[in-house]
Amino acid sequence: MERLKRVLAIHDLSGFGKCSLTVALPVISVAGIECTCMPTAILSTHTGGFTGYTFKDLSEDLYPMAKHWESLGLEFDAIYIGYLGSSSQARSVENIITLLKDDKTLVIIDPVMADNGEYYTGLDEEMCKGFLSICEFADIITPNFTEATLLLGEKYIEPPYTNEYVEGLLKRLSDLGPSKVVLTGVSFKEGEVGAASYDRVTNEINYAFTKRTPGSYHGTGDLFGSAFVAAMVRGININKSIKIAVDLVKASIDITYKRGTPSNYGVDFESRLQQFSIDIQNNINK
């Protein structure tokens, strides 16, 4: 029997407010993949919509954790990188990738640093420089529009977008190093939102759209990224993977909206995990 696939998720751990590792662990696990967790920082809550949160930087622990795993002979099918505790952690991440990656390891980087035209609380251009440096090591990056324009040094533009703009952005992002790019928050018309993917090798661009639910919700990027990583690691092609991830995010937002859950609490994805698992199984080897 083939060994269980394994993903290393390098993200922060926010105790409350569903995001980062508290999303990645259940989503990746329910897809039938072992999720190894490397917390970059520990927070009482995430930084969006909360004040007075605690924050502990774990920079000094990252590489020693990786060295221990190397000594155990652990193999990783993917390394999935998200929120960093500081810009200086980018160098540690480079070293960790070099240490743990082999020729079968997929490196996926979500440059978590900004949204809606602004950096997240406590982050600035130094974090952008850090992510730029590790994009060279990535097979796939998954920025939103704000993060994409920051990485490229371009001005952020509000939606709706044009096909020409989106496809040009995807190709310019690929020039940073990754052979594949996934861009979230794509919208060509009012009431519609989704994601786009670009494969530099095949020059293929794909889209997945859904209807927009009123409101703005924290943690949706992490939910999308975790679902996308899980689908890719299970061998599903990039076009179907972004569709599966978009569907999970949409269904989770709809439940959150109907319940009236505060948006900064994160989206209520838990009751959608069974359907997500079914979607994964139905698309394997297709």
Protein backbone atom coordinates (compact mmCIF):
# COMPACT_ATOMS: atom_id res chain seq x y z
CA MET A 1 0.00 0.00 0.00
CA GLU A 2 1.24 3.50 -0.87
CA ARG A 3 2.34 5.56 2.13
CA LEU A 4 0.09 8.34 3.37
CA LYS A 5 0.86 11.60 1.60
CA ARG A 6 2.31 14.30 3.85
CA VAL A 7 2.17 18.11 3.70
CA LEU A 8 4.31 20.44 5.81
CA ALA A 9 2.22 23.52 6.63
CA ILE A 10 4.32 26.54 7.69
CA HIS A 11 1.83 29.09 9.07
CA ASP A 12 1.01 30.91 12.28
CA LEU A 13 -1.22 29.37 14.92
CA SER A 14 -4.01 31.74 15.96
CA GLY A 15 -5.91 30.22 18.86
CA PHE A 16 -9.23 31.87 17.98
CA GLY A 17 -10.51 33.18 14.67
CA LYS A 18 -10.35 30.40 12.10
CA CYS A 19 -7.33 30.87 9.86
CA SER A 20 -3.82 29.56 9.15
CA LEU A 21 -3.01 26.27 10.94
CA THR A 22 -6.44 25.88 12.57
CA VAL A 23 -7.83 25.74 9.02
CA ALA A 24 -4.97 23.95 7.25
CA LEU A 25 -4.84 21.01 9.67
CA PRO A 26 -8.49 19.88 9.43
CA VAL A 27 -8.90 20.64 5.71
CA ILE A 28 -5.74 18.85 4.62
CA SER A 29 -6.40 15.95 6.99
CA VAL A 30 -9.96 15.33 5.83
CA ALA A 31 -8.61 15.05 2.28
CA GLY A 32 -6.68 11.98 3.38
CA ILE A 33 -3.33 13.69 3.81
CA GLU A 34 -1.09 13.89 6.87
CA CYS A 35 -0.52 17.52 7.88
CA THR A 36 2.73 18.28 9.69
CA CYS A 37 2.55 21.69 11.36
CA MET A 38 5.33 24.25 11.78
CA PRO A 39 3.94 27.34 13.60
CA THR A 40 5.75 30.54 12.68
CA ALA A 41 4.12 32.43 15.56
CA ILE A 42 1.46 31.81 18.21
CA LEU A 43 -1.31 34.37 18.64
CA SER A 44 -4.38 34.44 20.86
CA THR A 45 -6.40 35.61 17.82
CA HIS A 46 -5.53 36.61 14.29
CA THR A 47 -4.77 40.29 13.70
CA GLY A 48 -7.81 41.23 11.61
CA GLY A 49 -10.69 42.75 13.51
CA PHE A 50 -9.26 42.01 16.95
CA THR A 51 -7.23 44.16 19.35
CA GLY A 52 -5.19 43.25 22.42
CA TYR A 53 -4.07 39.90 20.99
CA THR A 54 -0.94 38.13 22.21
CA PHE A 55 1.89 37.35 19.80
CA LYS A 56 4.89 35.07 20.23
CA ASP A 57 7.48 34.89 17.44
CA LEU A 58 8.87 31.36 16.95
CA SER A 59 11.69 32.27 14.55
CA GLU A 60 14.37 30.52 16.61
CA ASP A 61 12.45 27.23 16.58
CA LEU A 62 11.79 26.83 12.86
CA TYR A 63 15.06 25.45 11.51
CA PRO A 64 15.71 23.20 14.54
CA MET A 65 12.27 21.65 13.98
CA ALA A 66 13.17 21.00 10.35
CA LYS A 67 16.52 19.49 11.33
CA HIS A 68 14.77 17.11 13.69
CA TRP A 69 12.37 16.00 10.96
CA GLU A 70 15.30 15.51 8.58
CA SER A 71 16.98 13.28 11.17
CA LEU A 72 13.82 11.16 11.23
CA GLY A 73 13.96 10.74 7.46
CA LEU A 74 10.56 12.35 6.91
CA GLU A 75 9.49 12.93 3.32
CA PHE A 76 7.07 15.67 2.30
CA ASP A 77 4.86 15.63 -0.78
CA ALA A 78 4.32 19.37 -0.41
CA ILE A 79 5.57 22.31 1.62
CA TYR A 80 2.77 24.85 2.07
CA ILE A 81 3.88 28.28 3.33
CA GLY A 82 1.61 31.07 4.56
CA TYR A 83 1.75 33.74 7.26
CA LEU A 84 5.25 34.44 8.58
CA GLY A 85 5.88 35.79 12.07
CA SER A 86 8.45 38.27 10.74
CA SER A 87 10.09 39.19 7.45
CA SER A 88 13.36 37.66 8.66
CA GLN A 89 11.68 34.25 8.73
CA ALA A 90 11.85 34.20 4.93
CA ARG A 91 15.54 33.24 5.15
CA SER A 92 14.69 30.39 7.53
CA VAL A 93 12.01 29.21 5.12
CA GLU A 94 14.53 29.18 2.27
CA ASN A 95 16.83 27.00 4.35
CA ILE A 96 13.96 24.71 5.36
CA ILE A 97 12.90 24.22 1.74
CA THR A 98 16.48 23.41 0.76
CA LEU A 99 16.78 20.95 3.64
CA LEU A 100 13.48 19.08 3.28
CA LYS A 101 12.53 19.32 -0.40
CA ASP A 102 13.28 16.51 -2.81
CA ASP A 103 12.48 16.17 -6.51
CA LYS A 104 8.90 15.08 -5.70
CA THR A 105 8.08 17.87 -3.23
CA LEU A 106 5.64 20.55 -4.39
CA VAL A 107 6.36 23.99 -2.88
CA ILE A 108 3.26 26.17 -2.62
CA ILE A 109 3.53 29.69 -1.21
CA ASP A 110 0.59 31.84 -0.18
CA PRO A 111 2.18 35.29 0.37
CA VAL A 112 -0.13 36.21 3.25
CA MET A 113 0.44 39.90 3.94
CA ALA A 114 -2.36 42.13 2.63
CA ASP A 115 -5.90 42.49 1.28
CA ASN A 116 -8.21 45.22 0.00
CA GLY A 117 -5.25 47.37 -1.01
CA GLU A 118 -3.58 47.42 2.44
CA TYR A 119 -1.03 45.46 4.44
CA TYR A 120 -2.31 43.45 7.39
CA THR A 121 -1.69 44.88 10.86
CA GLY A 122 2.01 44.90 11.72
CA LEU A 123 3.22 44.06 8.20
CA ASP A 124 4.98 46.29 5.68
CA GLU A 125 7.22 46.31 2.61
CA GLU A 126 9.87 44.27 4.45
CA MET A 127 7.46 41.34 4.50
CA CYS A 128 6.87 41.81 0.79
CA LYS A 129 10.63 41.63 0.20
CA GLY A 130 10.74 38.46 2.27
CA PHE A 131 8.04 36.78 0.21
CA LEU A 132 9.67 37.94 -3.02
CA SER A 133 12.86 36.15 -2.03
CA ILE A 134 11.12 32.82 -1.42
CA CYS A 135 8.91 33.00 -4.52
CA GLU A 136 11.97 31.85 -6.44
CA PHE A 137 11.71 28.52 -4.58
CA ALA A 138 7.99 28.06 -5.29
CA ASP A 139 6.33 25.76 -7.78
CA ILE A 140 3.01 27.56 -7.20
CA ILE A 141 2.07 30.86 -5.54
CA THR A 142 -1.50 31.79 -4.53
CA PRO A 143 -1.75 35.56 -3.90
CA ASN A 144 -4.87 37.69 -3.80
CA PHE A 145 -4.92 40.86 -5.93
CA THR A 146 -3.41 43.10 -3.26
CA GLU A 147 -0.56 40.68 -2.64
CA ALA A 148 -0.04 40.21 -6.37
CA THR A 149 0.35 43.93 -7.03
CA LEU A 150 2.65 44.35 -4.02
CA LEU A 151 4.91 41.54 -5.24
CA LEU A 152 5.06 43.17 -8.68
CA GLY A 153 5.46 46.73 -7.40
CA GLU A 154 2.28 47.78 -9.19
CA LYS A 155 -0.68 49.89 -8.09
CA TYR A 156 -3.64 48.03 -6.61
CA ILE A 157 -6.79 48.26 -8.73
CA GLU A 158 -10.33 47.70 -7.47
CA PRO A 159 -12.53 45.12 -9.27
CA PRO A 160 -14.13 44.42 -11.66
CA TYR A 161 -11.16 43.47 -13.85
CA THR A 162 -10.65 42.64 -17.51
CA ASN A 163 -9.41 39.34 -18.93
CA GLU A 164 -6.37 41.09 -20.34
CA TYR A 165 -5.41 42.56 -16.97
CA VAL A 166 -5.85 39.31 -15.07
CA GLU A 167 -3.96 37.22 -17.59
CA GLY A 168 -1.14 39.74 -17.77
CA LEU A 169 -0.91 39.76 -13.98
CA LEU A 170 -0.72 35.96 -13.87
CA LYS A 171 2.12 35.87 -16.38
CA ARG A 172 4.08 38.64 -14.65
CA LEU A 173 3.74 36.79 -11.35
CA SER A 174 5.09 33.64 -12.97
CA ASP A 175 8.18 35.61 -13.98
CA LEU A 176 9.00 35.82 -10.25
CA GLY A 177 9.86 32.11 -10.28
CA PRO A 178 6.85 29.78 -9.95
CA SER A 179 5.79 27.74 -12.97
CA LYS A 180 2.15 27.95 -11.85
CA VAL A 181 0.20 30.87 -10.36
CA VAL A 182 -3.23 30.92 -8.73
CA LEU A 183 -4.84 34.33 -8.26
CA THR A 184 -7.80 34.72 -5.88
CA GLY A 185 -10.44 37.45 -5.78
CA VAL A 186 -10.93 37.47 -9.55
CA SER A 187 -14.07 39.34 -10.60
CA PHE A 188 -15.13 40.38 -14.10
CA LYS A 189 -18.60 41.60 -13.14
CA GLU A 190 -20.66 42.60 -10.13
CA GLY A 191 -21.90 39.75 -7.96
CA GLU A 192 -19.29 37.26 -9.16
CA VAL A 193 -15.94 36.23 -7.66
CA GLY A 194 -13.50 33.39 -8.06
CA ALA A 195 -9.96 32.34 -8.88
CA ALA A 196 -7.71 32.01 -11.92
CA SER A 197 -4.79 29.68 -12.59
CA TYR A 198 -1.89 29.92 -15.02
CA ASP A 199 0.54 27.21 -16.10
CA ARG A 200 3.65 28.67 -17.72
CA VAL A 201 4.64 25.32 -19.28
CA THR A 202 1.37 24.83 -21.15
CA ASN A 203 0.43 28.55 -21.28
CA GLU A 204 -3.04 27.47 -20.11
CA ILE A 205 -5.29 29.80 -18.07
CA ASN A 206 -8.36 28.53 -16.23
CA TYR A 207 -11.08 30.18 -14.13
CA ALA A 208 -13.51 29.10 -11.43
CA PHE A 209 -16.32 31.47 -10.43
CA THR A 210 -19.20 31.60 -7.99
CA LYS A 211 -21.80 34.12 -6.86
CA ARG A 212 -20.58 36.65 -4.30
CA THR A 213 -22.18 36.52 -0.83
CA PRO A 214 -22.67 39.90 0.90
CA GLY A 215 -19.99 40.90 3.42
CA SER A 216 -16.28 40.40 3.93
CA TYR A 217 -14.93 37.38 5.79
CA HIS A 218 -11.60 36.68 7.45
CA GLY A 219 -9.71 33.46 6.81
CA THR A 220 -11.14 32.70 3.38
CA GLY A 221 -7.71 32.88 1.74
CA ASP A 222 -6.36 30.25 4.13
CA LEU A 223 -9.41 28.06 3.53
CA PHE A 224 -8.99 28.35 -0.24
CA GLY A 225 -5.24 27.71 -0.04
CA SER A 226 -5.58 24.66 2.20
CA ALA A 227 -8.27 23.11 0.00
CA PHE A 228 -6.25 23.84 -3.13
CA VAL A 229 -3.08 22.31 -1.67
CA ALA A 230 -4.99 19.21 -0.59
CA ALA A 231 -6.49 18.73 -4.04
CA MET A 232 -3.16 19.18 -5.81
CA VAL A 233 -1.37 16.75 -3.49
CA ARG A 234 -4.08 14.15 -4.15
CA GLY A 235 -3.16 14.41 -7.83
CA ILE A 236 -6.10 16.50 -9.05
CA ASN A 237 -5.27 18.89 -11.89
CA ILE A 238 -4.97 22.61 -11.20
CA ASN A 239 -8.21 23.53 -13.00
CA LYS A 240 -10.33 21.14 -10.91
CA SER A 241 -8.36 22.02 -7.77
CA ILE A 242 -9.27 25.71 -7.92
CA LYS A 243 -12.92 24.76 -8.57
CA ILE A 244 -13.00 22.47 -5.51
CA ALA A 245 -11.41 25.21 -3.37
CA VAL A 246 -13.78 27.92 -4.63
CA ASP A 247 -16.78 25.68 -3.93
CA LEU A 248 -15.66 25.00 -0.34
CA VAL A 249 -15.10 28.69 0.38
CA LYS A 250 -18.44 29.69 -1.15
CA ALA A 251 -20.43 27.08 0.79
CA SER A 252 -18.64 27.99 4.03
CA ILE A 253 -19.30 31.72 3.56
CA ASP A 254 -22.98 31.06 2.86
CA ILE A 255 -23.33 29.13 6.13
CA THR A 256 -21.51 31.88 8.01
CA TYR A 257 -23.76 34.53 6.49
CA LYS A 258 -26.95 32.64 7.31
CA ARG A 259 -25.85 32.05 10.91
CA GLY A 260 -24.77 35.64 11.40
CA THR A 261 -21.37 34.55 12.67
CA PRO A 262 -19.16 37.64 13.19
CA SER A 263 -16.92 37.99 10.13
CA ASN A 264 -13.71 38.25 12.16
CA TYR A 265 -14.42 34.82 13.73
CA GLY A 266 -13.61 33.15 10.41
CA VAL A 267 -15.94 31.14 8.19
CA ASP A 268 -17.93 28.13 9.38
CA PHE A 269 -16.29 25.51 7.18
CA GLU A 270 -16.66 22.59 9.59
CA SER A 271 -20.03 21.33 8.33
CA ARG A 272 -18.75 21.42 4.74
CA LEU A 273 -15.74 19.17 5.30
CA GLN A 274 -17.65 15.98 4.50
CA GLN A 275 -18.72 17.32 1.10
CA PHE A 276 -15.20 18.59 0.48
CA SER A 277 -13.85 15.09 1.16
CA ILE A 278 -16.39 13.67 -1.30
CA ASP A 279 -15.36 16.25 -3.92
CA ILE A 280 -11.72 15.23 -3.50
CA GLN A 281 -12.52 11.52 -3.89
CA ASN A 282 -14.74 12.12 -6.91
CA ASN A 283 -12.00 13.98 -8.76
CA ILE A 284 -9.00 11.76 -8.06
CA ASN A 285 -7.59 10.16 -11.23
CA LYS A 286 -10.05 12.01 -13.48
